[in-house]
N, C-alpha and C. Protein backbone atom coordinates (compact mmCIF):
# COMPACT_ATOMS: atom_id res chain seq x y z
N MET A 1 126.46 51.36 286.58
CA MET A 1 125.41 50.43 286.25
C MET A 1 125.97 49.34 285.35
N PHE A 2 125.21 48.31 285.21
CA PHE A 2 125.66 47.16 284.45
C PHE A 2 124.51 46.65 283.59
N ASN A 3 124.79 46.39 282.35
CA ASN A 3 123.81 45.81 281.44
C ASN A 3 124.26 44.39 281.12
N PRO A 4 123.58 43.38 281.64
CA PRO A 4 124.02 42.00 281.43
C PRO A 4 123.95 41.54 279.99
N LEU A 5 123.23 42.24 279.16
CA LEU A 5 123.12 41.84 277.75
C LEU A 5 124.30 42.35 276.92
N ALA A 6 125.13 43.18 277.49
CA ALA A 6 126.24 43.78 276.75
C ALA A 6 127.57 43.21 277.20
N THR A 7 127.70 41.92 277.21
CA THR A 7 128.95 41.31 277.65
C THR A 7 129.78 40.78 276.50
N ASP A 8 129.32 40.93 275.28
CA ASP A 8 130.06 40.37 274.15
C ASP A 8 131.32 41.15 273.83
N PHE A 9 131.47 42.38 274.29
CA PHE A 9 132.65 43.16 273.94
C PHE A 9 133.90 42.74 274.70
N TYR A 10 133.77 41.87 275.69
CA TYR A 10 134.95 41.37 276.39
C TYR A 10 135.78 40.48 275.47
N ASP A 11 135.17 39.90 274.47
CA ASP A 11 135.88 39.02 273.54
C ASP A 11 136.45 39.78 272.34
N LEU A 12 136.20 41.07 272.24
CA LEU A 12 136.66 41.86 271.11
C LEU A 12 138.11 42.28 271.29
N THR A 13 138.77 42.51 270.17
CA THR A 13 140.12 43.07 270.23
C THR A 13 140.01 44.54 270.63
N ASP A 14 141.14 45.13 270.98
CA ASP A 14 141.14 46.53 271.40
C ASP A 14 140.63 47.44 270.30
N LYS A 15 141.10 47.21 269.09
CA LYS A 15 140.68 48.06 267.96
C LYS A 15 139.18 47.92 267.69
N MET A 16 138.67 46.69 267.71
CA MET A 16 137.25 46.47 267.46
C MET A 16 136.41 47.11 268.56
N LEU A 17 136.88 47.04 269.81
CA LEU A 17 136.16 47.64 270.91
C LEU A 17 136.13 49.16 270.78
N GLU A 18 137.24 49.75 270.39
CA GLU A 18 137.29 51.20 270.19
C GLU A 18 136.35 51.63 269.05
N GLU A 19 136.29 50.83 268.00
CA GLU A 19 135.40 51.15 266.88
C GLU A 19 133.93 51.08 267.32
N LYS A 20 133.58 50.03 268.06
CA LYS A 20 132.20 49.90 268.55
C LYS A 20 131.87 51.03 269.52
N TYR A 21 132.83 51.40 270.35
CA TYR A 21 132.64 52.49 271.30
C TYR A 21 132.35 53.80 270.54
N SER A 22 133.14 54.08 269.53
CA SER A 22 132.94 55.29 268.73
C SER A 22 131.59 55.27 268.01
N GLU A 23 131.25 54.12 267.46
CA GLU A 23 129.98 53.99 266.74
C GLU A 23 128.79 54.19 267.68
N LEU A 24 128.84 53.57 268.84
CA LEU A 24 127.72 53.69 269.78
C LEU A 24 127.64 55.12 270.34
N SER A 25 128.78 55.75 270.56
CA SER A 25 128.78 57.14 271.03
C SER A 25 128.14 58.06 270.00
N ARG A 26 128.46 57.81 268.73
CA ARG A 26 127.87 58.62 267.65
C ARG A 26 126.36 58.41 267.59
N LYS A 27 125.94 57.16 267.71
CA LYS A 27 124.51 56.85 267.66
C LYS A 27 123.76 57.39 268.88
N TYR A 28 124.46 57.47 270.02
CA TYR A 28 123.85 58.02 271.22
C TYR A 28 123.34 59.44 270.96
N TRP A 29 124.16 60.24 270.28
CA TRP A 29 123.78 61.63 270.02
C TRP A 29 122.76 61.75 268.90
N MET A 30 122.56 60.69 268.12
CA MET A 30 121.60 60.73 267.02
C MET A 30 120.17 60.46 267.49
N THR A 31 120.02 59.72 268.58
CA THR A 31 118.69 59.36 269.05
C THR A 31 118.11 60.44 269.95
N GLN A 32 116.81 60.55 269.93
CA GLN A 32 116.12 61.53 270.76
C GLN A 32 115.33 60.87 271.90
N ASN A 33 115.33 59.55 271.93
CA ASN A 33 114.58 58.81 272.92
C ASN A 33 115.40 58.70 274.21
N PRO A 34 114.93 59.29 275.33
CA PRO A 34 115.72 59.27 276.56
C PRO A 34 115.95 57.88 277.14
N GLN A 35 114.97 56.98 276.98
CA GLN A 35 115.14 55.63 277.49
C GLN A 35 116.23 54.88 276.72
N VAL A 36 116.25 55.07 275.41
CA VAL A 36 117.27 54.43 274.59
C VAL A 36 118.63 55.03 274.92
N GLN A 37 118.68 56.34 275.10
CA GLN A 37 119.94 56.99 275.45
C GLN A 37 120.47 56.48 276.79
N MET A 38 119.58 56.24 277.74
CA MET A 38 120.01 55.74 279.03
C MET A 38 120.64 54.35 278.90
N GLN A 39 120.00 53.48 278.13
CA GLN A 39 120.56 52.15 277.92
C GLN A 39 121.89 52.22 277.16
N MET A 40 121.96 53.09 276.19
CA MET A 40 123.20 53.25 275.45
C MET A 40 124.30 53.80 276.35
N ALA A 41 123.96 54.72 277.23
CA ALA A 41 124.94 55.30 278.14
C ALA A 41 125.51 54.24 279.07
N ILE A 42 124.69 53.31 279.50
CA ILE A 42 125.17 52.22 280.36
C ILE A 42 126.18 51.36 279.61
N ILE A 43 125.86 51.02 278.38
CA ILE A 43 126.76 50.19 277.58
C ILE A 43 128.04 50.96 277.25
N ILE A 44 127.92 52.24 276.94
CA ILE A 44 129.09 53.07 276.66
C ILE A 44 130.01 53.11 277.88
N GLU A 45 129.43 53.25 279.05
CA GLU A 45 130.23 53.28 280.28
C GLU A 45 130.93 51.94 280.51
N GLN A 46 130.25 50.83 280.23
CA GLN A 46 130.88 49.51 280.35
C GLN A 46 132.06 49.40 279.38
N MET A 47 131.87 49.87 278.15
CA MET A 47 132.95 49.83 277.17
C MET A 47 134.12 50.70 277.61
N ARG A 48 133.81 51.87 278.13
CA ARG A 48 134.85 52.79 278.60
C ARG A 48 135.65 52.14 279.74
N ASP A 49 134.94 51.49 280.66
CA ASP A 49 135.62 50.80 281.76
C ASP A 49 136.51 49.67 281.24
N GLU A 50 136.02 48.92 280.27
CA GLU A 50 136.81 47.83 279.69
C GLU A 50 138.05 48.38 279.00
N LEU A 51 137.91 49.50 278.28
CA LEU A 51 139.07 50.12 277.63
C LEU A 51 140.08 50.60 278.66
N ARG A 52 139.60 51.21 279.74
CA ARG A 52 140.50 51.67 280.81
C ARG A 52 141.23 50.49 281.44
N THR A 53 140.51 49.41 281.69
CA THR A 53 141.12 48.23 282.30
C THR A 53 142.19 47.65 281.39
N ARG A 54 141.89 47.55 280.11
CA ARG A 54 142.87 47.00 279.16
C ARG A 54 144.10 47.90 279.08
N ASN A 55 143.89 49.21 279.05
CA ASN A 55 145.02 50.14 278.99
C ASN A 55 145.87 50.06 280.25
N ALA A 56 145.23 49.93 281.40
CA ALA A 56 145.96 49.82 282.66
C ALA A 56 146.77 48.53 282.70
N ARG A 57 146.18 47.42 282.26
CA ARG A 57 146.91 46.14 282.23
C ARG A 57 148.11 46.23 281.29
N ALA A 58 147.92 46.85 280.14
CA ALA A 58 149.01 46.99 279.18
C ALA A 58 150.12 47.86 279.77
N LYS A 59 149.76 48.91 280.47
CA LYS A 59 150.74 49.80 281.09
C LYS A 59 151.53 49.06 282.16
N VAL A 60 150.84 48.30 283.00
CA VAL A 60 151.51 47.54 284.05
C VAL A 60 152.46 46.51 283.43
N GLN A 61 151.99 45.82 282.41
CA GLN A 61 152.83 44.83 281.73
C GLN A 61 154.05 45.49 281.11
N GLN A 62 153.86 46.63 280.49
CA GLN A 62 154.97 47.35 279.88
C GLN A 62 155.97 47.79 280.94
N ASP A 63 155.49 48.30 282.06
CA ASP A 63 156.37 48.72 283.14
C ASP A 63 157.14 47.54 283.72
N GLN A 64 156.47 46.40 283.85
CA GLN A 64 157.16 45.21 284.36
C GLN A 64 158.22 44.73 283.38
N ASP A 65 157.90 44.75 282.11
CA ASP A 65 158.88 44.31 281.11
C ASP A 65 160.08 45.25 281.09
N GLN A 66 159.86 46.54 281.18
CA GLN A 66 160.96 47.49 281.19
C GLN A 66 161.78 47.37 282.47
N GLY A 67 161.09 47.10 283.57
CA GLY A 67 161.79 46.95 284.84
C GLY A 67 162.71 45.75 284.84
N LYS A 68 162.27 44.65 284.27
CA LYS A 68 163.08 43.44 284.20
C LYS A 68 164.30 43.67 283.32
N LYS A 69 164.11 44.28 282.20
CA LYS A 69 165.23 44.54 281.29
C LYS A 69 166.19 45.55 281.89
N GLY A 70 165.65 46.55 282.56
CA GLY A 70 166.49 47.60 283.15
C GLY A 70 167.36 47.07 284.27
N LEU A 71 166.86 46.19 285.11
CA LEU A 71 167.64 45.64 286.21
C LEU A 71 168.74 44.74 285.71
N ASP A 72 168.53 44.03 284.62
CA ASP A 72 169.57 43.16 284.07
C ASP A 72 170.80 43.97 283.67
N ASN A 73 170.59 45.15 283.17
CA ASN A 73 171.70 45.98 282.75
C ASN A 73 172.41 46.65 283.93
N LEU A 74 171.75 46.80 285.04
CA LEU A 74 172.35 47.44 286.20
C LEU A 74 173.23 46.51 287.01
N ILE A 75 172.93 45.24 287.02
CA ILE A 75 173.68 44.28 287.82
C ILE A 75 174.79 43.68 286.98
N ASN A 76 176.03 43.89 287.43
CA ASN A 76 177.18 43.38 286.71
C ASN A 76 177.95 42.48 287.64
N ILE A 77 177.92 41.20 287.40
CA ILE A 77 178.63 40.23 288.22
C ILE A 77 179.86 39.78 287.43
N SER A 78 181.03 40.04 288.01
CA SER A 78 182.28 39.68 287.32
C SER A 78 183.06 38.69 288.14
C-alpha cells in the first residue's frame, strides 16, 4: 500500500530515516486504535522499503567500486 502523505522521508538521511522508523514502530505498539495502527503500518512499510532500496543501492555501488579497483590490480601491461 502507499500513503501519499508520507513522502517526506525520501529527503531524510539514512540515520534520520532509521530513527523515524524506530520511533514510529515503537508508537505503533503503543496505540490501541486499529485504524491508526493500519495507517502507521502503511507508513512503516514505506519506510522499510526505502531503507531496503537505499541499502541495495549502497551494496551495488560498493560492489562496483570494489570491482573496478580489483580489475586494475589484475591487469598488468608491461
